[in-house]
Amino acid sequence: MRSIAFADFLIGLGILFVIEGLMFAATPTWLKRAMKSALVTPDHILRAVGIGSAVAGLILIWLVRR
């Protein structure tokens, strides 16, 4: 039997794939430009944005689960 946490994880992963797929389908040119921009962005900026996004996601999950 799967745990609720694992099921939630799989649902979240599925939502991520749906959003990513829709973005690639709807705006491929914009995404290509964004990827090129990420290549020239310094690592410390990308790392800070990634950490900020992860923290925001954790806070959102915590708020929903309260």
N, C-alpha and C. Protein backbone atom coordinates (compact mmCIF):
# COMPACT_ATOMS: atom_id res chain seq x y z
N MET A 1 0.84 -1.18 0.00
CA MET A 1 0.00 0.00 0.00
C MET A 1 0.88 1.25 0.00
N ARG A 2 0.57 2.17 -0.88
CA ARG A 2 1.35 3.40 -0.96
C ARG A 2 0.93 4.36 0.14
N SER A 3 1.91 5.15 0.58
CA SER A 3 1.59 6.15 1.59
C SER A 3 0.96 7.37 0.93
N ILE A 4 0.26 8.14 1.73
CA ILE A 4 -0.36 9.36 1.21
C ILE A 4 0.72 10.32 0.74
N ALA A 5 1.83 10.40 1.46
CA ALA A 5 2.91 11.31 1.07
C ALA A 5 3.47 10.93 -0.29
N PHE A 6 3.64 9.64 -0.56
CA PHE A 6 4.17 9.21 -1.84
C PHE A 6 3.17 9.50 -2.96
N ALA A 7 1.89 9.30 -2.69
CA ALA A 7 0.86 9.62 -3.68
C ALA A 7 0.86 11.12 -3.98
N ASP A 8 0.99 11.94 -2.95
CA ASP A 8 1.06 13.39 -3.14
C ASP A 8 2.28 13.77 -3.96
N PHE A 9 3.40 13.10 -3.69
CA PHE A 9 4.62 13.36 -4.46
C PHE A 9 4.40 13.05 -5.94
N LEU A 10 3.78 11.91 -6.23
CA LEU A 10 3.53 11.54 -7.62
C LEU A 10 2.55 12.51 -8.29
N ILE A 11 1.55 12.96 -7.55
CA ILE A 11 0.61 13.95 -8.09
C ILE A 11 1.35 15.24 -8.41
N GLY A 12 2.20 15.69 -7.50
CA GLY A 12 2.98 16.90 -7.74
C GLY A 12 3.89 16.77 -8.94
N LEU A 13 4.53 15.62 -9.08
CA LEU A 13 5.40 15.37 -10.23
C LEU A 13 4.60 15.39 -11.52
N GLY A 14 3.42 14.79 -11.48
CA GLY A 14 2.54 14.81 -12.65
C GLY A 14 2.13 16.21 -13.04
N ILE A 15 1.79 17.03 -12.05
CA ILE A 15 1.43 18.43 -12.32
C ILE A 15 2.60 19.17 -12.93
N LEU A 16 3.80 18.92 -12.42
CA LEU A 16 5.01 19.54 -12.98
C LEU A 16 5.16 19.19 -14.46
N PHE A 17 4.98 17.91 -14.80
CA PHE A 17 5.10 17.48 -16.20
C PHE A 17 4.02 18.13 -17.07
N VAL A 18 2.81 18.25 -16.55
CA VAL A 18 1.73 18.88 -17.31
C VAL A 18 2.07 20.34 -17.60
N ILE A 19 2.48 21.08 -16.58
CA ILE A 19 2.80 22.50 -16.76
C ILE A 19 3.97 22.67 -17.72
N GLU A 20 5.01 21.86 -17.53
CA GLU A 20 6.17 21.95 -18.41
C GLU A 20 5.78 21.62 -19.86
N GLY A 21 5.00 20.57 -20.03
CA GLY A 21 4.57 20.20 -21.38
C GLY A 21 3.73 21.28 -22.04
N LEU A 22 2.83 21.88 -21.28
CA LEU A 22 2.00 22.96 -21.83
C LEU A 22 2.85 24.17 -22.21
N MET A 23 3.85 24.47 -21.40
CA MET A 23 4.72 25.61 -21.72
C MET A 23 5.50 25.35 -23.01
N PHE A 24 6.03 24.15 -23.16
CA PHE A 24 6.76 23.82 -24.39
C PHE A 24 5.84 23.82 -25.60
N ALA A 25 4.60 23.36 -25.43
CA ALA A 25 3.65 23.32 -26.54
C ALA A 25 3.16 24.72 -26.91
N ALA A 26 2.95 25.57 -25.92
CA ALA A 26 2.37 26.89 -26.16
C ALA A 26 3.39 27.93 -26.59
N THR A 27 4.59 27.88 -25.99
CA THR A 27 5.55 28.96 -26.25
C THR A 27 6.97 28.42 -26.44
N PRO A 28 7.20 27.59 -27.48
CA PRO A 28 8.54 27.01 -27.64
C PRO A 28 9.62 28.06 -27.90
N THR A 29 9.30 29.09 -28.65
CA THR A 29 10.30 30.12 -28.94
C THR A 29 10.73 30.86 -27.68
N TRP A 30 9.76 31.20 -26.84
CA TRP A 30 10.07 31.90 -25.59
C TRP A 30 10.93 31.02 -24.69
N LEU A 31 10.60 29.73 -24.62
CA LEU A 31 11.38 28.82 -23.77
C LEU A 31 12.81 28.67 -24.27
N LYS A 32 13.00 28.66 -25.59
CA LYS A 32 14.36 28.59 -26.14
C LYS A 32 15.15 29.83 -25.74
N ARG A 33 14.50 30.99 -25.82
CA ARG A 33 15.19 32.23 -25.40
C ARG A 33 15.50 32.19 -23.91
N ALA A 34 14.59 31.68 -23.10
CA ALA A 34 14.81 31.60 -21.66
C ALA A 34 15.98 30.68 -21.35
N MET A 35 16.08 29.57 -22.08
CA MET A 35 17.20 28.64 -21.85
C MET A 35 18.53 29.27 -22.25
N LYS A 36 18.53 30.01 -23.36
CA LYS A 36 19.75 30.71 -23.76
C LYS A 36 20.15 31.74 -22.71
N SER A 37 19.16 32.42 -22.16
CA SER A 37 19.42 33.41 -21.12
C SER A 37 20.00 32.74 -19.88
N ALA A 38 19.50 31.57 -19.54
CA ALA A 38 20.00 30.84 -18.36
C ALA A 38 21.46 30.44 -18.55
N LEU A 39 21.86 30.16 -19.78
CA LEU A 39 23.25 29.77 -20.04
C LEU A 39 24.24 30.89 -19.73
N VAL A 40 23.81 32.14 -19.91
CA VAL A 40 24.73 33.26 -19.67
C VAL A 40 24.55 33.87 -18.28
N THR A 41 23.56 33.42 -17.54
CA THR A 41 23.34 33.92 -16.19
C THR A 41 24.35 33.27 -15.24
N PRO A 42 24.98 34.06 -14.38
CA PRO A 42 25.96 33.49 -13.44
C PRO A 42 25.34 32.42 -12.54
N ASP A 43 26.16 31.44 -12.18
CA ASP A 43 25.69 30.31 -11.38
C ASP A 43 25.08 30.75 -10.05
N HIS A 44 25.69 31.75 -9.40
CA HIS A 44 25.17 32.16 -8.10
C HIS A 44 23.76 32.74 -8.20
N ILE A 45 23.44 33.37 -9.30
CA ILE A 45 22.08 33.91 -9.49
C ILE A 45 21.10 32.76 -9.69
N LEU A 46 21.47 31.81 -10.56
CA LEU A 46 20.60 30.65 -10.79
C LEU A 46 20.40 29.86 -9.50
N ARG A 47 21.46 29.72 -8.72
CA ARG A 47 21.37 28.98 -7.46
C ARG A 47 20.43 29.70 -6.50
N ALA A 48 20.54 31.02 -6.41
CA ALA A 48 19.68 31.80 -5.50
C ALA A 48 18.22 31.71 -5.93
N VAL A 49 17.96 31.78 -7.22
CA VAL A 49 16.59 31.66 -7.72
C VAL A 49 16.04 30.25 -7.43
N GLY A 50 16.88 29.24 -7.62
CA GLY A 50 16.46 27.86 -7.34
C GLY A 50 16.14 27.65 -5.88
N ILE A 51 16.98 28.16 -5.00
CA ILE A 51 16.74 28.03 -3.56
C ILE A 51 15.48 28.80 -3.17
N GLY A 52 15.32 30.00 -3.72
CA GLY A 52 14.11 30.78 -3.43
C GLY A 52 12.85 30.07 -3.88
N SER A 53 12.89 29.46 -5.06
CA SER A 53 11.74 28.72 -5.56
C SER A 53 11.44 27.51 -4.68
N ALA A 54 12.48 26.80 -4.26
CA ALA A 54 12.29 25.63 -3.39
C ALA A 54 11.68 26.04 -2.06
N VAL A 55 12.17 27.12 -1.48
CA VAL A 55 11.62 27.60 -0.21
C VAL A 55 10.17 28.04 -0.37
N ALA A 56 9.88 28.75 -1.46
CA ALA A 56 8.50 29.17 -1.71
C ALA A 56 7.59 27.96 -1.86
N GLY A 57 8.07 26.94 -2.54
CA GLY A 57 7.28 25.72 -2.70
C GLY A 57 7.03 25.02 -1.39
N LEU A 58 8.05 24.95 -0.55
CA LEU A 58 7.89 24.33 0.76
C LEU A 58 6.91 25.10 1.63
N ILE A 59 6.98 26.40 1.58
CA ILE A 59 6.04 27.23 2.35
C ILE A 59 4.61 27.01 1.86
N LEU A 60 4.44 26.95 0.55
CA LEU A 60 3.11 26.70 -0.02
C LEU A 60 2.58 25.34 0.42
N ILE A 61 3.40 24.33 0.34
CA ILE A 61 2.99 22.99 0.79
C ILE A 61 2.63 23.01 2.27
N TRP A 62 3.44 23.67 3.07
CA TRP A 62 3.18 23.75 4.52
C TRP A 62 1.84 24.45 4.79
N LEU A 63 1.60 25.54 4.07
CA LEU A 63 0.33 26.28 4.27
C LEU A 63 -0.87 25.44 3.87
N VAL A 64 -0.75 24.69 2.79
CA VAL A 64 -1.86 23.86 2.34
C VAL A 64 -2.11 22.71 3.30
N ARG A 65 -1.04 22.14 3.85
CA ARG A 65 -1.15 20.99 4.72
C ARG A 65 -1.56 21.32 6.16
N ARG A 66 -1.54 22.58 6.54
CA ARG A 66 -1.90 22.97 7.90
C ARG A 66 -3.32 22.69 8.23
